[in-house]
Amino acid sequence: MDAKAALIELKEVSKAYGQKSTTTYALKKVNLKIDQGEFIAIMGPSGSGKSTCMNIIGCLDSPSDGSFLFEGLNVTELNRNQRAVLRRNYLGFIFQGFNLLGRTSALENVELPLVYKGVKTLQRKKMAMEALELVGLAAVSTHTPAELSGGQQQRVAIARAIVTEPLILLADEPTGNLDSKRSIEIMELLKKFNKEKNITIIMVTHEEDMALYADRIIRFKDGVVVGEN
């Protein structure tokens, strides 16, 4: 990999659905660079292409045209298994709906990515507890999601996302289901990880006040980047 390359680079990336006369474009020739350690907010109305862009960066989808580079590596040339390895080793995900397993404890939820990585049980539990401590939830490690508030559930989700020490954290509407006080707590936590651990954060949001936590706001409309600030 090229050490001097941007961490993430999209070159003329398009994403099309359908065929010929029925083709619709979720993204149209998008060019974008994100450097290591940046906190990026992606904004735009529904259908603007922001979630499609996030899915491509997260190796959950592939562009129809153009190139997606990760530290200079052309991800578009990788097969599905290779993209899964990249995703598992370098990326962490936070979702609006928390996506926690309902019948398992906070600790077990945080352990899950480590199970997929093949980390042994004792080390896995140690790492998961350390991640819960970082988000201030060590005291409720045995609680199930139903026994936690929405803000606590999102903190567990953040612990799960950072337990593998990812290079990039992808957050899809991370405060969408929270009240304003809990939203601020979550954003302060994300900002802390960005600054103290140099984790690159790419966040999709509809909320202007939450986007202000980012270093840079990228605005999408109709599948194209229409502005940055």
C-alpha atoms as a PDB file:
ATOM      1  CA  MET A   1       0.000   0.000   0.000  1.00  0.00           C
ATOM      2  CA  ASP A   2       1.132   3.557  -0.730  1.00  0.00           C
ATOM      3  CA  ALA A   3       1.870   5.220   2.626  1.00  0.00           C
ATOM      4  CA  LYS A   4       1.445   8.660   1.054  1.00  0.00           C
ATOM      5  CA  ALA A   5      -1.994   7.927  -0.382  1.00  0.00           C
ATOM      6  CA  ALA A   6      -5.190   9.257   1.145  1.00  0.00           C
ATOM      7  CA  LEU A   7      -6.782   6.791   3.544  1.00  0.00           C
ATOM      8  CA  ILE A   8      -9.951   6.737   1.408  1.00  0.00           C
ATOM      9  CA  GLU A   9     -10.275   7.925  -2.171  1.00  0.00           C
ATOM     10  CA  LEU A  10     -13.222   7.641  -4.522  1.00  0.00           C
ATOM     11  CA  LYS A  11     -12.385   8.307  -8.166  1.00  0.00           C
ATOM     12  CA  GLU A  12     -15.286   8.942 -10.545  1.00  0.00           C
ATOM     13  CA  VAL A  13     -17.421   6.478  -8.590  1.00  0.00           C
ATOM     14  CA  SER A  14     -20.901   5.748  -9.924  1.00  0.00           C
ATOM     15  CA  LYS A  15     -23.523   3.303  -8.689  1.00  0.00           C
ATOM     16  CA  ALA A  16     -26.293   2.327 -11.081  1.00  0.00           C
ATOM     17  CA  TYR A  17     -29.376   0.181 -10.594  1.00  0.00           C
ATOM     18  CA  GLY A  18     -31.502  -1.340 -13.333  1.00  0.00           C
ATOM     19  CA  GLN A  19     -30.636  -1.687 -17.017  1.00  0.00           C
ATOM     20  CA  LYS A  20     -30.594   0.628 -20.019  1.00  0.00           C
ATOM     21  CA  SER A  21     -33.875   2.611 -20.142  1.00  0.00           C
ATOM     22  CA  THR A  22     -34.670   1.834 -16.487  1.00  0.00           C
ATOM     23  CA  THR A  23     -31.217   2.725 -15.122  1.00  0.00           C
ATOM     24  CA  THR A  24     -31.160   4.968 -12.073  1.00  0.00           C
ATOM     25  CA  TYR A  25     -28.011   6.347 -10.500  1.00  0.00           C
ATOM     26  CA  ALA A  26     -27.517   6.427  -6.734  1.00  0.00           C
ATOM     27  CA  LEU A  27     -24.061   7.957  -7.298  1.00  0.00           C
ATOM     28  CA  LYS A  28     -22.743   9.809 -10.351  1.00  0.00           C
ATOM     29  CA  LYS A  29     -18.985  10.216 -10.857  1.00  0.00           C
ATOM     30  CA  VAL A  30     -18.237  11.041  -7.221  1.00  0.00           C
ATOM     31  CA  ASN A  31     -14.693  12.133  -6.330  1.00  0.00           C
ATOM     32  CA  LEU A  32     -13.777  12.199  -2.659  1.00  0.00           C
ATOM     33  CA  LYS A  33     -10.647  12.043  -0.488  1.00  0.00           C
ATOM     34  CA  ILE A  34     -10.547  11.360   3.253  1.00  0.00           C
ATOM     35  CA  ASP A  35      -7.297  11.427   5.219  1.00  0.00           C
ATOM     36  CA  GLN A  36      -6.341   9.410   8.288  1.00  0.00           C
ATOM     37  CA  GLY A  37      -7.681  11.013  11.481  1.00  0.00           C
ATOM     38  CA  GLU A  38     -10.402  13.108   9.862  1.00  0.00           C
ATOM     39  CA  PHE A  39     -13.950  13.308  11.242  1.00  0.00           C
ATOM     40  CA  ILE A  40     -16.272  13.572   8.240  1.00  0.00           C
ATOM     41  CA  ALA A  41     -20.021  14.179   8.229  1.00  0.00           C
ATOM     42  CA  ILE A  42     -21.973  13.206   5.105  1.00  0.00           C
ATOM     43  CA  MET A  43     -25.290  15.000   4.695  1.00  0.00           C
ATOM     44  CA  GLY A  44     -28.088  15.172   2.157  1.00  0.00           C
ATOM     45  CA  PRO A  45     -31.800  14.488   1.716  1.00  0.00           C
ATOM     46  CA  SER A  46     -33.192  10.962   1.418  1.00  0.00           C
ATOM     47  CA  GLY A  47     -32.135   9.447  -1.896  1.00  0.00           C
ATOM     48  CA  SER A  48     -29.147  11.772  -2.252  1.00  0.00           C
ATOM     49  CA  GLY A  49     -26.616   8.920  -2.363  1.00  0.00           C
ATOM     50  CA  LYS A  50     -25.037   9.388   1.057  1.00  0.00           C
ATOM     51  CA  SER A  51     -25.919   5.895   2.323  1.00  0.00           C
ATOM     52  CA  THR A  52     -24.737   4.314  -0.934  1.00  0.00           C
ATOM     53  CA  CYS A  53     -21.444   6.156  -0.559  1.00  0.00           C
ATOM     54  CA  MET A  54     -21.151   4.881   3.021  1.00  0.00           C
ATOM     55  CA  ASN A  55     -21.890   1.308   1.909  1.00  0.00           C
ATOM     56  CA  ILE A  56     -19.151   1.441  -0.733  1.00  0.00           C
ATOM     57  CA  ILE A  57     -16.599   2.813   1.741  1.00  0.00           C
ATOM     58  CA  GLY A  58     -17.714   0.134   4.204  1.00  0.00           C
ATOM     59  CA  CYS A  59     -17.090  -2.627   1.623  1.00  0.00           C
ATOM     60  CA  LEU A  60     -20.774  -3.571   1.822  1.00  0.00           C
ATOM     61  CA  ASP A  61     -21.369  -2.619  -1.825  1.00  0.00           C
ATOM     62  CA  SER A  62     -19.280  -2.093  -4.954  1.00  0.00           C
ATOM     63  CA  PRO A  63     -19.391   0.755  -7.471  1.00  0.00           C
ATOM     64  CA  SER A  64     -20.696   0.189 -10.998  1.00  0.00           C
ATOM     65  CA  ASP A  65     -17.927   2.419 -12.383  1.00  0.00           C
ATOM     66  CA  GLY A  66     -14.886   4.199 -11.025  1.00  0.00           C
ATOM     67  CA  SER A  67     -12.408   3.212  -8.336  1.00  0.00           C
ATOM     68  CA  PHE A  68     -12.451   3.021  -4.545  1.00  0.00           C
ATOM     69  CA  LEU A  69      -8.949   3.157  -3.073  1.00  0.00           C
ATOM     70  CA  PHE A  70      -8.062   2.238   0.513  1.00  0.00           C
ATOM     71  CA  GLU A  71      -4.547   3.458   1.347  1.00  0.00           C
ATOM     72  CA  GLY A  72      -3.807   3.189  -2.363  1.00  0.00           C
ATOM     73  CA  LEU A  73      -5.205  -0.351  -2.671  1.00  0.00           C
ATOM     74  CA  ASN A  74      -7.895  -0.617  -5.352  1.00  0.00           C
ATOM     75  CA  VAL A  75     -10.755  -2.222  -3.418  1.00  0.00           C
ATOM     76  CA  THR A  76     -12.843  -2.522  -6.579  1.00  0.00           C
ATOM     77  CA  GLU A  77     -10.431  -5.237  -7.761  1.00  0.00           C
ATOM     78  CA  LEU A  78     -10.958  -7.372  -4.645  1.00  0.00           C
ATOM     79  CA  ASN A  79     -13.365 -10.281  -4.500  1.00  0.00           C
ATOM     80  CA  ARG A  80     -16.112 -10.612  -1.890  1.00  0.00           C
ATOM     81  CA  ASN A  81     -13.961 -12.599   0.553  1.00  0.00           C
ATOM     82  CA  GLN A  82     -11.088 -10.136   0.298  1.00  0.00           C
ATOM     83  CA  ARG A  83     -13.447  -7.224   0.954  1.00  0.00           C
ATOM     84  CA  ALA A  84     -14.796  -9.094   3.984  1.00  0.00           C
ATOM     85  CA  VAL A  85     -11.252  -9.426   5.366  1.00  0.00           C
ATOM     86  CA  LEU A  86     -10.644  -5.714   4.865  1.00  0.00           C
ATOM     87  CA  ARG A  87     -13.958  -4.916   6.565  1.00  0.00           C
ATOM     88  CA  ARG A  88     -13.265  -7.223   9.500  1.00  0.00           C
ATOM     89  CA  ASN A  89      -9.731  -5.934  10.133  1.00  0.00           C
ATOM     90  CA  TYR A  90      -9.977  -2.210   9.472  1.00  0.00           C
ATOM     91  CA  LEU A  91     -13.593  -1.049   9.843  1.00  0.00           C
ATOM     92  CA  GLY A  92     -16.036  -0.576  12.705  1.00  0.00           C
ATOM     93  CA  PHE A  93     -19.762   0.097  12.237  1.00  0.00           C
ATOM     94  CA  ILE A  94     -22.332   2.004  14.308  1.00  0.00           C
ATOM     95  CA  PHE A  95     -25.997   1.953  13.243  1.00  0.00           C
ATOM     96  CA  GLN A  96     -29.023   4.078  14.080  1.00  0.00           C
ATOM     97  CA  GLY A  97     -30.931   1.043  15.346  1.00  0.00           C
ATOM     98  CA  PHE A  98     -28.053  -0.170  17.580  1.00  0.00           C
ATOM     99  CA  ASN A  99     -28.292  -3.719  16.087  1.00  0.00           C
ATOM    100  CA  LEU A 100     -27.581  -5.433  19.403  1.00  0.00           C
ATOM    101  CA  LEU A 101     -28.471  -9.064  20.086  1.00  0.00           C
ATOM    102  CA  GLY A 102     -31.433  -8.923  22.438  1.00  0.00           C
ATOM    103  CA  ARG A 103     -30.839 -12.041  24.508  1.00  0.00           C
ATOM    104  CA  THR A 104     -27.150 -11.540  25.170  1.00  0.00           C
ATOM    105  CA  SER A 105     -25.367  -9.285  27.657  1.00  0.00           C
ATOM    106  CA  ALA A 106     -23.615  -6.037  26.846  1.00  0.00           C
ATOM    107  CA  LEU A 107     -20.275  -7.822  27.248  1.00  0.00           C
ATOM    108  CA  GLU A 108     -21.269 -10.624  24.877  1.00  0.00           C
ATOM    109  CA  ASN A 109     -22.498  -8.102  22.300  1.00  0.00           C
ATOM    110  CA  VAL A 110     -19.152  -6.313  22.398  1.00  0.00           C
ATOM    111  CA  GLU A 111     -17.299  -9.624  22.109  1.00  0.00           C
ATOM    112  CA  LEU A 112     -19.011 -10.567  18.855  1.00  0.00           C
ATOM    113  CA  PRO A 113     -16.544  -8.981  16.359  1.00  0.00           C
ATOM    114  CA  LEU A 114     -13.707 -10.680  18.246  1.00  0.00           C
ATOM    115  CA  VAL A 115     -15.430 -14.051  17.842  1.00  0.00           C
ATOM    116  CA  TYR A 116     -15.362 -13.515  14.066  1.00  0.00           C
ATOM    117  CA  LYS A 117     -11.667 -12.645  14.282  1.00  0.00           C
ATOM    118  CA  GLY A 118     -10.921 -15.860  16.170  1.00  0.00           C
ATOM    119  CA  VAL A 119      -9.729 -14.196  19.395  1.00  0.00           C
ATOM    120  CA  LYS A 120      -9.546 -16.694  22.266  1.00  0.00           C
ATOM    121  CA  THR A 121     -12.172 -16.530  25.024  1.00  0.00           C
ATOM    122  CA  LEU A 122     -10.185 -15.008  27.906  1.00  0.00           C
ATOM    123  CA  GLN A 123      -8.524 -12.364  25.717  1.00  0.00           C
ATOM    124  CA  ARG A 124     -11.862 -11.637  24.065  1.00  0.00           C
ATOM    125  CA  LYS A 125     -13.596 -10.974  27.383  1.00  0.00           C
ATOM    126  CA  LYS A 126     -10.721  -8.787  28.563  1.00  0.00           C
ATOM    127  CA  MET A 127     -10.812  -6.676  25.384  1.00  0.00           C
ATOM    128  CA  ALA A 128     -14.609  -6.386  25.488  1.00  0.00           C
ATOM    129  CA  MET A 129     -14.581  -5.236  29.119  1.00  0.00           C
ATOM    130  CA  GLU A 130     -11.901  -2.653  28.325  1.00  0.00           C
ATOM    131  CA  ALA A 131     -14.063  -1.324  25.484  1.00  0.00           C
ATOM    132  CA  LEU A 132     -17.078  -1.089  27.819  1.00  0.00           C
ATOM    133  CA  GLU A 133     -14.908   0.786  30.327  1.00  0.00           C
ATOM    134  CA  LEU A 134     -13.976   3.287  27.617  1.00  0.00           C
ATOM    135  CA  VAL A 135     -17.659   4.095  27.028  1.00  0.00           C
ATOM    136  CA  GLY A 136     -18.435   4.157  30.764  1.00  0.00           C
ATOM    137  CA  LEU A 137     -20.517   0.978  30.918  1.00  0.00           C
ATOM    138  CA  ALA A 138     -18.369  -1.564  32.749  1.00  0.00           C
ATOM    139  CA  ALA A 139     -20.901  -1.603  35.598  1.00  0.00           C
ATOM    140  CA  VAL A 140     -23.697  -2.889  33.338  1.00  0.00           C
ATOM    141  CA  SER A 141     -21.667  -5.473  31.411  1.00  0.00           C
ATOM    142  CA  THR A 142     -24.084  -8.285  32.390  1.00  0.00           C
ATOM    143  CA  HIS A 143     -27.235  -6.359  31.392  1.00  0.00           C
ATOM    144  CA  THR A 144     -29.162  -7.232  28.233  1.00  0.00           C
ATOM    145  CA  PRO A 145     -30.214  -4.455  25.818  1.00  0.00           C
ATOM    146  CA  ALA A 146     -33.746  -4.473  27.278  1.00  0.00           C
ATOM    147  CA  GLU A 147     -32.242  -3.473  30.624  1.00  0.00           C
ATOM    148  CA  LEU A 148     -30.409  -0.481  29.115  1.00  0.00           C
ATOM    149  CA  SER A 149     -31.542   2.963  27.991  1.00  0.00           C
ATOM    150  CA  GLY A 150     -31.278   4.007  24.337  1.00  0.00           C
ATOM    151  CA  GLY A 151     -28.144   6.018  25.086  1.00  0.00           C
ATOM    152  CA  GLN A 152     -26.575   3.071  26.892  1.00  0.00           C
ATOM    153  CA  GLN A 153     -27.442   0.750  24.013  1.00  0.00           C
ATOM    154  CA  GLN A 154     -25.713   3.083  21.587  1.00  0.00           C
ATOM    155  CA  ARG A 155     -22.665   3.189  23.875  1.00  0.00           C
ATOM    156  CA  VAL A 156     -22.577  -0.622  23.792  1.00  0.00           C
ATOM    157  CA  ALA A 157     -22.770  -0.417  19.994  1.00  0.00           C
ATOM    158  CA  ILE A 158     -19.826   2.012  20.004  1.00  0.00           C
ATOM    159  CA  ALA A 159     -17.846  -0.308  22.291  1.00  0.00           C
ATOM    160  CA  ARG A 160     -18.569  -3.169  19.874  1.00  0.00           C
ATOM    161  CA  ALA A 161     -17.372  -1.011  16.969  1.00  0.00           C
ATOM    162  CA  ILE A 162     -14.084   0.013  18.612  1.00  0.00           C
ATOM    163  CA  VAL A 163     -13.176  -3.285  20.314  1.00  0.00           C
ATOM    164  CA  THR A 164     -11.232  -4.426  17.232  1.00  0.00           C
ATOM    165  CA  GLU A 165      -9.306  -1.103  17.194  1.00  0.00           C
ATOM    166  CA  PRO A 166     -10.472  -0.183  13.688  1.00  0.00           C
ATOM    167  CA  LEU A 167      -8.749   2.331  11.471  1.00  0.00           C
ATOM    168  CA  ILE A 168     -12.130   3.720  10.380  1.00  0.00           C
ATOM    169  CA  LEU A 169     -15.427   4.049  12.212  1.00  0.00           C
ATOM    170  CA  LEU A 170     -18.516   4.253   9.979  1.00  0.00           C
ATOM    171  CA  ALA A 171     -21.520   5.728  11.790  1.00  0.00           C
ATOM    172  CA  ASP A 172     -24.931   5.685  10.082  1.00  0.00           C
ATOM    173  CA  GLU A 173     -27.275   8.155  11.843  1.00  0.00           C
ATOM    174  CA  PRO A 174     -25.735   7.270  15.244  1.00  0.00           C
ATOM    175  CA  THR A 175     -27.971   9.736  17.119  1.00  0.00           C
ATOM    176  CA  GLY A 176     -31.128   9.212  15.056  1.00  0.00           C
ATOM    177  CA  ASN A 177     -33.004   7.346  17.816  1.00  0.00           C
ATOM    178  CA  LEU A 178     -31.777   9.444  20.746  1.00  0.00           C
ATOM    179  CA  ASP A 179     -32.962  12.581  22.535  1.00  0.00           C
ATOM    180  CA  SER A 180     -30.835  15.732  22.378  1.00  0.00           C
ATOM    181  CA  LYS A 181     -29.002  15.129  25.669  1.00  0.00           C
ATOM    182  CA  ARG A 182     -28.042  11.542  24.763  1.00  0.00           C
ATOM    183  CA  SER A 183     -27.131  12.660  21.243  1.00  0.00           C
ATOM    184  CA  ILE A 184     -24.617  15.153  22.617  1.00  0.00           C
ATOM    185  CA  GLU A 185     -23.130  12.466  24.889  1.00  0.00           C
ATOM    186  CA  ILE A 186     -22.668  10.119  21.936  1.00  0.00           C
ATOM    187  CA  MET A 187     -21.125  12.813  19.750  1.00  0.00           C
ATOM    188  CA  GLU A 188     -18.709  13.830  22.513  1.00  0.00           C
ATOM    189  CA  LEU A 189     -17.698  10.189  22.807  1.00  0.00           C
ATOM    190  CA  LEU A 190     -17.100   9.870  19.060  1.00  0.00           C
ATOM    191  CA  LYS A 191     -15.087  13.102  19.059  1.00  0.00           C
ATOM    192  CA  LYS A 192     -12.989  11.764  21.937  1.00  0.00           C
ATOM    193  CA  PHE A 193     -12.126   8.571  20.060  1.00  0.00           C
ATOM    194  CA  ASN A 194     -11.337  10.594  16.950  1.00  0.00           C
ATOM    195  CA  LYS A 195      -8.921  12.900  18.768  1.00  0.00           C
ATOM    196  CA  GLU A 196      -7.378  10.543  21.327  1.00  0.00           C
ATOM    197  CA  LYS A 197      -7.130   7.370  19.254  1.00  0.00           C
ATOM    198  CA  ASN A 198      -6.838   8.976  15.799  1.00  0.00           C
ATOM    199  CA  ILE A 199      -9.758   6.877  14.542  1.00  0.00           C
ATOM    200  CA  THR A 200     -11.081   8.219  11.253  1.00  0.00           C
ATOM    201  CA  ILE A 201     -14.844   8.732  11.561  1.00  0.00           C
ATOM    202  CA  ILE A 202     -17.239   8.901   8.629  1.00  0.00           C
ATOM    203  CA  MET A 203     -20.766   9.722   9.789  1.00  0.00           C
ATOM    204  CA  VAL A 204     -24.013   9.958   7.845  1.00  0.00           C
ATOM    205  CA  THR A 205     -26.492  12.300   9.524  1.00  0.00           C
ATOM    206  CA  HIS A 206     -29.578  14.417   8.845  1.00  0.00           C
ATOM    207  CA  GLU A 207     -28.879  16.616  11.847  1.00  0.00           C
ATOM    208  CA  GLU A 208     -26.953  19.851  11.239  1.00  0.00           C
ATOM    209  CA  ASP A 209     -26.081  20.280  14.933  1.00  0.00           C
ATOM    210  CA  MET A 210     -24.561  16.796  15.054  1.00  0.00           C
ATOM    211  CA  ALA A 211     -22.626  17.407  11.816  1.00  0.00           C
ATOM    212  CA  LEU A 212     -20.929  20.397  13.465  1.00  0.00           C
ATOM    213  CA  TYR A 213     -18.859  17.963  15.531  1.00  0.00           C
ATOM    214  CA  ALA A 214     -17.095  16.912  12.324  1.00  0.00           C
ATOM    215  CA  ASP A 215     -14.001  18.532  10.827  1.00  0.00           C
ATOM    216  CA  ARG A 216     -15.628  18.596   7.400  1.00  0.00           C
ATOM    217  CA  ILE A 217     -19.191  18.295   6.091  1.00  0.00           C
ATOM    218  CA  ILE A 218     -19.709  16.767   2.638  1.00  0.00           C
ATOM    219  CA  ARG A 219     -23.138  17.396   1.119  1.00  0.00           C
ATOM    220  CA  PHE A 220     -24.802  15.098  -1.396  1.00  0.00           C
ATOM    221  CA  LYS A 221     -27.796  15.731  -3.662  1.00  0.00           C
ATOM    222  CA  ASP A 222     -29.087  13.549  -6.490  1.00  0.00           C
ATOM    223  CA  GLY A 223     -26.051  11.279  -6.373  1.00  0.00           C
ATOM    224  CA  VAL A 224     -23.368  13.958  -6.587  1.00  0.00           C
ATOM    225  CA  VAL A 225     -21.298  15.984  -4.123  1.00  0.00           C
ATOM    226  CA  VAL A 226     -22.748  19.500  -4.192  1.00  0.00           C
ATOM    227  CA  GLY A 227     -20.640  21.139  -1.521  1.00  0.00           C
ATOM    228  CA  GLU A 228     -18.180  20.942   1.354  1.00  0.00           C
ATOM    229  CA  ASN A 229     -17.642  23.069   4.432  1.00  0.00           C
END
